[in-house]
Protein backbone atom coordinates (compact mmCIF):
# COMPACT_ATOMS: atom_id res chain seq x y z
CA MET A 1 6.73 12.59 11.01
CA LYS A 2 6.55 9.05 13.88
CA ASN A 3 4.09 7.49 12.56
CA PHE A 4 4.72 6.90 8.97
CA LYS A 5 7.92 4.83 7.78
CA GLN A 6 9.27 3.64 4.89
CA ARG A 7 7.55 1.08 2.98
CA HIS A 8 9.28 -0.83 -0.24
CA PHE A 9 5.44 -1.90 -2.70
CA CYS A 10 5.63 -4.06 -5.86
CA LEU A 11 2.70 -3.40 -8.41
CA THR A 12 2.46 -6.92 -10.38
CA THR A 13 -0.47 -7.73 -13.23
CA LYS A 14 -1.60 -9.70 -9.99
CA SER A 15 -1.39 -8.28 -6.76
CA LEU A 16 0.07 -4.92 -5.15
CA THR A 17 3.04 -6.47 -2.40
CA TYR A 18 4.74 -3.96 0.54
CA GLY A 19 7.23 -5.11 2.82
CA LYS A 20 10.42 -3.54 4.92
CA VAL A 21 13.19 -3.90 3.02
CA ALA A 22 13.07 -4.60 -1.37
CA GLY A 23 13.21 -8.06 -2.01
CA ALA A 24 11.96 -9.47 1.62
CA ILE A 25 9.49 -11.64 2.59
CA PRO A 26 6.69 -9.35 1.75
CA LEU A 27 4.23 -7.98 5.30
CA CYS A 28 0.89 -7.51 2.88
CA LYS A 29 -0.25 -9.02 0.06
CA ILE A 30 -3.51 -7.55 -1.75
CA PRO A 31 -4.82 -9.03 -5.26
CA VAL A 32 -5.24 -6.63 -7.74
CA GLY A 33 -8.98 -7.92 -8.30
CA ASP A 34 -9.67 -6.58 -4.84
CA ILE A 35 -8.31 -2.85 -4.92
CA ARG A 36 -11.59 -1.14 -5.49
CA ALA A 37 -9.13 2.49 -5.58
CA VAL A 38 -6.60 4.68 -5.61
CA GLU A 39 -6.23 8.10 -4.21
CA ARG A 40 -3.77 10.48 -4.28
CA LEU A 41 -3.71 12.57 -0.70
CA ALA A 42 -2.33 16.15 -0.64
CA GLU A 43 1.65 16.31 -0.30
CA GLN A 44 0.55 19.78 1.71
CA SER A 45 -1.25 17.36 4.57
CA PHE A 46 1.51 14.94 4.97
CA LYS A 47 4.82 17.58 4.88
CA MET A 48 5.42 14.24 2.28
CA LYS A 49 5.54 13.58 -0.93
CA TYR A 50 3.72 10.55 -2.78
CA VAL A 51 1.26 9.50 -0.59
CA ARG A 52 -1.40 7.81 -1.68
CA ARG A 53 -4.76 5.14 -0.30
CA VAL A 54 -4.84 2.12 -1.26
CA LEU A 55 -8.62 0.90 -1.18
CA HIS A 56 -9.67 -2.38 -1.46
CA VAL A 57 -12.09 -5.43 -0.52
CA LEU A 58 -11.22 -6.76 2.95
CA ILE A 59 -12.61 -10.72 4.11
CA VAL A 60 -13.11 -11.95 7.13
CA ILE A 61 -13.46 -15.63 7.57
CA VAL A 62 -14.43 -16.91 11.06
């Protein structure tokens, strides 16, 4: 699948971060308090293992 790219995730007691390479500067940081749910998606749907969806609060300040 062309739309899926490998990402490296790090979950701590404070946040969930992810980046293109392990140990590099994260592309995104989500505070644990902002995470509302983590859903396991059907592996058959994407033909990939360990596919998850993270639902979180999005705060936009204008």
